Amino acid sequence: MAIENPSREEIGKILKKAKRIAVVGLSDNPERTSYMVSKAMQDAGYEIIPVNPTADEILGVKSAASLKEIEGHIDIVNVFRRSEYLPGVAKEFAEIDADVFWAQLGLANEEAYEFLKEKGYTVIMDRCIKVEHALTK
């Protein structure tokens, strides 16, 4: 089974509706892609919640050690972890109240995709949230 992302139009609707984005694997190093992308999304008005057990604070926000630590509803979980870690993140995602599982550009995992699709979740893989946001303005 191949990974099928929602259409550009659907992705645009997701991004317009979303307010809170939890970023798994967000680095506190400004040189890293995860930092740059998350900062751009924060600057665009999204609430960014860093998920990184080794950092106290990123982008001026207290970091959560795991998705389960985050209080309140999460619209998008944006993942910056290597593809082999996606099934584990997907399982944790399924235990919290979040709408969309988003694996960044270059990341995809069929096991994680099938697990989440079977549960009825919206899944986006191998797409950059910052690029998609710029395209849907």
N, C-alpha and C. Protein backbone atom coordinates (compact mmCIF):
# COMPACT_ATOMS: atom_id res chain seq x y z
N MET A 1 0.84 -1.19 0.00
CA MET A 1 0.00 0.00 0.00
C MET A 1 0.88 1.26 0.00
N ALA A 2 0.59 2.15 -0.89
CA ALA A 2 1.38 3.38 -0.98
C ALA A 2 0.81 4.45 -0.05
N ILE A 3 1.67 5.36 0.34
CA ILE A 3 1.25 6.47 1.19
C ILE A 3 0.59 7.52 0.30
N GLU A 4 -0.63 7.87 0.67
CA GLU A 4 -1.39 8.85 -0.10
C GLU A 4 -1.71 10.05 0.78
N ASN A 5 -1.19 11.19 0.40
CA ASN A 5 -1.45 12.40 1.17
C ASN A 5 -2.77 13.05 0.73
N PRO A 6 -3.35 13.85 1.62
CA PRO A 6 -4.52 14.62 1.21
C PRO A 6 -4.13 15.56 0.06
N SER A 7 -5.11 16.04 -0.69
CA SER A 7 -4.83 16.97 -1.79
C SER A 7 -4.29 18.28 -1.23
N ARG A 8 -3.66 19.07 -2.11
CA ARG A 8 -3.16 20.40 -1.73
C ARG A 8 -4.29 21.22 -1.10
N GLU A 9 -5.47 21.13 -1.71
CA GLU A 9 -6.63 21.89 -1.22
C GLU A 9 -6.99 21.46 0.21
N GLU A 10 -7.00 20.14 0.45
CA GLU A 10 -7.31 19.63 1.80
C GLU A 10 -6.23 20.06 2.80
N ILE A 11 -4.96 20.00 2.38
CA ILE A 11 -3.86 20.42 3.25
C ILE A 11 -4.03 21.90 3.60
N GLY A 12 -4.42 22.70 2.62
CA GLY A 12 -4.67 24.12 2.85
C GLY A 12 -5.75 24.33 3.90
N LYS A 13 -6.82 23.55 3.82
CA LYS A 13 -7.92 23.65 4.80
C LYS A 13 -7.43 23.25 6.19
N ILE A 14 -6.63 22.20 6.26
CA ILE A 14 -6.07 21.74 7.54
C ILE A 14 -5.26 22.87 8.18
N LEU A 15 -4.40 23.50 7.38
CA LEU A 15 -3.52 24.56 7.90
C LEU A 15 -4.30 25.82 8.29
N LYS A 16 -5.38 26.10 7.58
CA LYS A 16 -6.19 27.27 7.93
C LYS A 16 -6.95 27.06 9.24
N LYS A 17 -7.36 25.83 9.48
CA LYS A 17 -8.14 25.50 10.68
C LYS A 17 -7.23 25.34 11.91
N ALA A 18 -6.02 24.86 11.70
CA ALA A 18 -5.11 24.53 12.81
C ALA A 18 -4.62 25.77 13.54
N LYS A 19 -4.43 25.60 14.85
CA LYS A 19 -3.88 26.67 15.69
C LYS A 19 -2.66 26.18 16.47
N ARG A 20 -2.75 24.94 16.99
CA ARG A 20 -1.68 24.40 17.85
C ARG A 20 -0.96 23.25 17.14
N ILE A 21 0.36 23.39 17.06
CA ILE A 21 1.18 22.36 16.43
C ILE A 21 2.22 21.87 17.43
N ALA A 22 2.16 20.58 17.75
CA ALA A 22 3.19 19.96 18.59
C ALA A 22 4.27 19.45 17.64
N VAL A 23 5.53 19.82 17.92
CA VAL A 23 6.62 19.43 17.03
C VAL A 23 7.52 18.41 17.73
N VAL A 24 7.44 17.16 17.29
CA VAL A 24 8.23 16.08 17.87
C VAL A 24 9.61 16.10 17.23
N GLY A 25 10.64 16.19 18.09
CA GLY A 25 12.01 16.23 17.58
C GLY A 25 12.46 17.63 17.22
N LEU A 26 11.78 18.64 17.78
CA LEU A 26 12.17 20.03 17.55
C LEU A 26 13.50 20.30 18.25
N SER A 27 14.49 20.72 17.46
CA SER A 27 15.82 20.99 18.01
C SER A 27 15.89 22.41 18.56
N ASP A 28 16.72 22.59 19.60
CA ASP A 28 16.93 23.95 20.12
C ASP A 28 18.10 24.64 19.39
N ASN A 29 18.61 23.99 18.34
CA ASN A 29 19.70 24.54 17.54
C ASN A 29 19.10 25.32 16.36
N PRO A 30 19.28 26.66 16.34
CA PRO A 30 18.70 27.47 15.27
C PRO A 30 19.15 27.09 13.86
N GLU A 31 20.25 26.31 13.75
CA GLU A 31 20.74 25.89 12.44
C GLU A 31 19.96 24.70 11.88
N ARG A 32 19.20 24.02 12.73
CA ARG A 32 18.50 22.80 12.30
C ARG A 32 17.19 23.15 11.59
N THR A 33 16.83 22.31 10.62
CA THR A 33 15.62 22.53 9.84
C THR A 33 14.39 22.58 10.74
N SER A 34 14.33 21.69 11.73
CA SER A 34 13.14 21.65 12.61
C SER A 34 12.93 22.99 13.30
N TYR A 35 14.02 23.63 13.70
CA TYR A 35 13.96 24.93 14.38
C TYR A 35 13.47 26.01 13.40
N MET A 36 14.10 26.03 12.21
CA MET A 36 13.76 27.06 11.22
C MET A 36 12.30 26.95 10.78
N VAL A 37 11.86 25.74 10.49
CA VAL A 37 10.48 25.51 10.05
C VAL A 37 9.51 25.89 11.16
N SER A 38 9.79 25.45 12.38
CA SER A 38 8.89 25.74 13.51
C SER A 38 8.84 27.22 13.83
N LYS A 39 9.99 27.90 13.72
CA LYS A 39 10.02 29.35 13.95
C LYS A 39 9.16 30.06 12.91
N ALA A 40 9.27 29.63 11.65
CA ALA A 40 8.47 30.25 10.58
C ALA A 40 6.97 30.04 10.86
N MET A 41 6.60 28.86 11.34
CA MET A 41 5.18 28.58 11.63
C MET A 41 4.72 29.40 12.85
N GLN A 42 5.61 29.53 13.82
CA GLN A 42 5.31 30.35 15.00
C GLN A 42 5.11 31.82 14.57
N ASP A 43 6.01 32.30 13.70
CA ASP A 43 5.91 33.67 13.20
C ASP A 43 4.64 33.88 12.38
N ALA A 44 4.13 32.79 11.80
CA ALA A 44 2.90 32.87 10.99
C ALA A 44 1.65 32.83 11.87
N GLY A 45 1.86 32.71 13.20
CA GLY A 45 0.72 32.79 14.11
C GLY A 45 0.28 31.49 14.75
N TYR A 46 0.99 30.40 14.47
CA TYR A 46 0.64 29.12 15.10
C TYR A 46 1.28 29.02 16.48
N GLU A 47 0.58 28.32 17.37
CA GLU A 47 1.17 28.02 18.68
C GLU A 47 2.02 26.77 18.50
N ILE A 48 3.32 26.89 18.73
CA ILE A 48 4.24 25.76 18.58
C ILE A 48 4.54 25.18 19.96
N ILE A 49 4.37 23.87 20.09
CA ILE A 49 4.68 23.18 21.35
C ILE A 49 5.84 22.22 21.07
N PRO A 50 7.03 22.54 21.59
CA PRO A 50 8.18 21.65 21.35
C PRO A 50 8.03 20.34 22.12
N VAL A 51 8.36 19.23 21.45
CA VAL A 51 8.40 17.93 22.12
C VAL A 51 9.83 17.41 21.97
N ASN A 52 10.60 17.60 23.05
CA ASN A 52 12.01 17.21 23.04
C ASN A 52 12.43 16.97 24.48
N PRO A 53 12.65 15.70 24.86
CA PRO A 53 12.99 15.38 26.25
C PRO A 53 14.34 15.93 26.71
N THR A 54 15.19 16.37 25.78
CA THR A 54 16.52 16.85 26.18
C THR A 54 16.62 18.37 26.25
N ALA A 55 15.54 19.08 25.95
CA ALA A 55 15.58 20.55 26.00
C ALA A 55 14.52 21.07 26.97
N ASP A 56 14.86 22.14 27.69
CA ASP A 56 13.91 22.74 28.63
C ASP A 56 12.94 23.66 27.91
N GLU A 57 13.50 24.43 26.98
CA GLU A 57 12.71 25.46 26.31
C GLU A 57 13.24 25.66 24.90
N ILE A 58 12.32 25.77 23.93
CA ILE A 58 12.69 26.03 22.55
C ILE A 58 11.72 27.08 22.00
N LEU A 59 12.24 28.06 21.29
CA LEU A 59 11.43 29.14 20.73
C LEU A 59 10.60 29.85 21.80
N GLY A 60 11.18 29.94 23.01
CA GLY A 60 10.50 30.64 24.10
C GLY A 60 9.35 29.87 24.73
N VAL A 61 9.25 28.58 24.40
CA VAL A 61 8.15 27.76 24.92
C VAL A 61 8.74 26.57 25.68
N LYS A 62 8.15 26.26 26.85
CA LYS A 62 8.60 25.11 27.63
C LYS A 62 8.41 23.84 26.80
N SER A 63 9.45 23.03 26.78
CA SER A 63 9.41 21.81 25.98
C SER A 63 8.75 20.66 26.76
N ALA A 64 7.96 19.86 26.07
CA ALA A 64 7.35 18.67 26.67
C ALA A 64 8.25 17.47 26.36
N ALA A 65 8.33 16.54 27.31
CA ALA A 65 9.17 15.35 27.08
C ALA A 65 8.49 14.37 26.13
N SER A 66 7.14 14.40 26.09
CA SER A 66 6.40 13.50 25.21
C SER A 66 5.07 14.15 24.85
N LEU A 67 4.40 13.61 23.84
CA LEU A 67 3.09 14.14 23.44
C LEU A 67 2.09 14.06 24.58
N LYS A 68 2.20 12.99 25.38
CA LYS A 68 1.24 12.78 26.47
C LYS A 68 1.30 13.86 27.55
N GLU A 69 2.42 14.58 27.60
CA GLU A 69 2.59 15.64 28.61
C GLU A 69 1.83 16.93 28.24
N ILE A 70 1.42 17.04 27.00
CA ILE A 70 0.81 18.29 26.53
C ILE A 70 -0.66 18.34 26.94
N GLU A 71 -1.04 19.45 27.56
CA GLU A 71 -2.43 19.62 27.96
C GLU A 71 -3.21 20.30 26.85
N GLY A 72 -4.46 19.91 26.71
CA GLY A 72 -5.33 20.53 25.72
C GLY A 72 -5.20 19.90 24.35
N HIS A 73 -6.07 20.34 23.47
CA HIS A 73 -6.16 19.77 22.12
C HIS A 73 -4.99 20.20 21.23
N ILE A 74 -4.51 19.26 20.43
CA ILE A 74 -3.45 19.54 19.46
C ILE A 74 -4.04 19.32 18.07
N ASP A 75 -3.85 20.31 17.21
CA ASP A 75 -4.38 20.20 15.85
C ASP A 75 -3.48 19.35 14.95
N ILE A 76 -2.18 19.63 15.01
CA ILE A 76 -1.23 18.91 14.15
C ILE A 76 -0.04 18.46 15.00
N VAL A 77 0.37 17.21 14.81
CA VAL A 77 1.63 16.74 15.39
C VAL A 77 2.59 16.66 14.21
N ASN A 78 3.60 17.54 14.20
CA ASN A 78 4.58 17.62 13.12
C ASN A 78 5.85 16.90 13.59
N VAL A 79 6.27 15.89 12.84
CA VAL A 79 7.35 15.02 13.31
C VAL A 79 8.65 15.23 12.52
N PHE A 80 9.70 15.51 13.28
CA PHE A 80 11.07 15.63 12.75
C PHE A 80 11.93 14.54 13.36
N ARG A 81 11.51 13.30 13.22
CA ARG A 81 12.34 12.18 13.69
C ARG A 81 12.53 11.26 12.51
N ARG A 82 13.64 10.52 12.48
CA ARG A 82 13.91 9.63 11.36
C ARG A 82 12.75 8.65 11.14
N SER A 83 12.58 8.26 9.89
CA SER A 83 11.45 7.42 9.49
C SER A 83 11.25 6.18 10.36
N GLU A 84 12.36 5.57 10.81
CA GLU A 84 12.21 4.34 11.62
C GLU A 84 11.54 4.61 12.96
N TYR A 85 11.51 5.88 13.41
CA TYR A 85 10.87 6.22 14.68
C TYR A 85 9.37 6.55 14.52
N LEU A 86 8.92 6.67 13.29
CA LEU A 86 7.52 7.09 13.07
C LEU A 86 6.48 6.13 13.67
N PRO A 87 6.66 4.80 13.59
CA PRO A 87 5.64 3.93 14.21
C PRO A 87 5.46 4.19 15.71
N GLY A 88 6.56 4.43 16.42
CA GLY A 88 6.48 4.73 17.86
C GLY A 88 5.76 6.04 18.12
N VAL A 89 6.08 7.05 17.31
CA VAL A 89 5.42 8.35 17.46
C VAL A 89 3.94 8.21 17.10
N ALA A 90 3.64 7.41 16.09
CA ALA A 90 2.25 7.19 15.67
C ALA A 90 1.43 6.54 16.79
N LYS A 91 2.04 5.60 17.50
CA LYS A 91 1.33 4.93 18.61
C LYS A 91 1.02 5.93 19.72
N GLU A 92 1.98 6.79 20.04
CA GLU A 92 1.75 7.80 21.07
C GLU A 92 0.70 8.81 20.59
N PHE A 93 0.78 9.18 19.32
CA PHE A 93 -0.19 10.10 18.71
C PHE A 93 -1.62 9.56 18.90
N ALA A 94 -1.78 8.26 18.69
CA ALA A 94 -3.10 7.64 18.77
C ALA A 94 -3.67 7.67 20.20
N GLU A 95 -2.80 7.91 21.19
CA GLU A 95 -3.24 7.93 22.59
C GLU A 95 -3.64 9.32 23.07
N ILE A 96 -3.40 10.34 22.23
CA ILE A 96 -3.75 11.70 22.64
C ILE A 96 -4.84 12.24 21.72
N ASP A 97 -5.36 13.41 22.06
CA ASP A 97 -6.43 14.00 21.28
C ASP A 97 -5.84 14.97 20.25
N ALA A 98 -5.41 14.44 19.11
CA ALA A 98 -4.85 15.28 18.05
C ALA A 98 -5.53 14.93 16.73
N ASP A 99 -5.50 15.86 15.79
CA ASP A 99 -6.23 15.66 14.53
C ASP A 99 -5.38 15.11 13.39
N VAL A 100 -4.19 15.68 13.22
CA VAL A 100 -3.40 15.37 12.02
C VAL A 100 -1.98 14.94 12.40
N PHE A 101 -1.52 13.84 11.81
CA PHE A 101 -0.15 13.36 11.98
C PHE A 101 0.62 13.78 10.75
N TRP A 102 1.66 14.58 10.94
CA TRP A 102 2.40 15.15 9.81
C TRP A 102 3.88 14.81 9.95
N ALA A 103 4.40 14.00 9.02
CA ALA A 103 5.83 13.68 9.00
C ALA A 103 6.49 14.61 7.98
N GLN A 104 7.56 15.26 8.38
CA GLN A 104 8.22 16.27 7.55
C GLN A 104 8.78 15.71 6.25
N LEU A 105 9.19 16.61 5.40
CA LEU A 105 9.77 16.28 4.10
C LEU A 105 10.89 15.25 4.27
N GLY A 106 10.86 14.21 3.46
CA GLY A 106 11.89 13.18 3.53
C GLY A 106 11.57 12.06 4.50
N LEU A 107 10.47 12.20 5.25
CA LEU A 107 10.10 11.18 6.23
C LEU A 107 8.81 10.48 5.82
N ALA A 108 8.86 9.16 5.83
CA ALA A 108 7.67 8.37 5.54
C ALA A 108 7.87 6.97 6.11
N ASN A 109 6.78 6.35 6.53
CA ASN A 109 6.86 5.00 7.08
C ASN A 109 5.50 4.34 6.88
N GLU A 110 5.47 3.28 6.06
CA GLU A 110 4.21 2.62 5.73
C GLU A 110 3.52 2.03 6.95
N GLU A 111 4.30 1.46 7.85
CA GLU A 111 3.72 0.86 9.06
C GLU A 111 2.96 1.92 9.87
N ALA A 112 3.60 3.06 10.08
CA ALA A 112 2.96 4.15 10.82
C ALA A 112 1.74 4.67 10.07
N TYR A 113 1.88 4.81 8.75
CA TYR A 113 0.79 5.30 7.91
C TYR A 113 -0.44 4.39 8.02
N GLU A 114 -0.22 3.08 7.81
CA GLU A 114 -1.34 2.13 7.85
C GLU A 114 -1.98 2.07 9.23
N PHE A 115 -1.16 2.09 10.28
CA PHE A 115 -1.65 2.07 11.66
C PHE A 115 -2.62 3.23 11.90
N LEU A 116 -2.22 4.43 11.47
CA LEU A 116 -3.05 5.63 11.71
C LEU A 116 -4.25 5.70 10.80
N LYS A 117 -4.09 5.30 9.53
CA LYS A 117 -5.22 5.33 8.58
C LYS A 117 -6.32 4.37 9.03
N GLU A 118 -5.91 3.19 9.54
CA GLU A 118 -6.89 2.21 10.03
C GLU A 118 -7.72 2.79 11.17
N LYS A 119 -7.13 3.71 11.92
CA LYS A 119 -7.83 4.33 13.04
C LYS A 119 -8.61 5.58 12.60
N GLY A 120 -8.51 5.91 11.32
CA GLY A 120 -9.29 7.03 10.78
C GLY A 120 -8.64 8.40 10.88
N TYR A 121 -7.34 8.44 11.14
CA TYR A 121 -6.66 9.73 11.26
C TYR A 121 -6.26 10.30 9.89
N THR A 122 -6.11 11.61 9.84
CA THR A 122 -5.53 12.27 8.67
C THR A 122 -4.01 12.17 8.82
N VAL A 123 -3.36 11.68 7.77
CA VAL A 123 -1.91 11.48 7.82
C VAL A 123 -1.28 12.17 6.61
N ILE A 124 -0.24 12.95 6.88
CA ILE A 124 0.53 13.60 5.82
C ILE A 124 1.98 13.19 6.04
N MET A 125 2.63 12.70 4.98
CA MET A 125 4.03 12.30 5.11
C MET A 125 4.85 12.86 3.96
N ASP A 126 6.14 13.07 4.23
CA ASP A 126 7.08 13.53 3.21
C ASP A 126 6.67 14.87 2.61
N ARG A 127 6.17 15.77 3.45
CA ARG A 127 5.81 17.12 3.02
C ARG A 127 6.31 18.12 4.07
N CYS A 128 6.80 19.26 3.62
CA CYS A 128 7.25 20.29 4.55
C CYS A 128 6.08 21.21 4.90
N ILE A 129 5.78 21.31 6.18
CA ILE A 129 4.64 22.11 6.63
C ILE A 129 4.82 23.59 6.26
N LYS A 130 6.06 24.07 6.30
CA LYS A 130 6.33 25.48 5.97
C LYS A 130 6.07 25.74 4.49
N VAL A 131 6.50 24.82 3.63
CA VAL A 131 6.29 24.94 2.19
C VAL A 131 4.79 24.88 1.88
N GLU A 132 4.11 23.91 2.49
CA GLU A 132 2.66 23.77 2.26
C GLU A 132 1.92 25.02 2.72
N HIS A 133 2.34 25.57 3.86
CA HIS A 133 1.71 26.79 4.40
C HIS A 133 1.91 27.94 3.40
N ALA A 134 3.12 28.07 2.85
CA ALA A 134 3.40 29.15 1.89
C ALA A 134 2.57 28.98 0.62
N LEU A 135 2.33 27.74 0.23
CA LEU A 135 1.56 27.47 -0.99
C LEU A 135 0.07 27.73 -0.83
N THR A 136 -0.40 27.69 0.42
CA THR A 136 -1.85 27.79 0.63
C THR A 136 -2.29 29.17 1.10
N LYS A 137 -1.38 30.12 1.15
CA LYS A 137 -1.74 31.46 1.62
C LYS A 137 -2.73 32.11 0.68
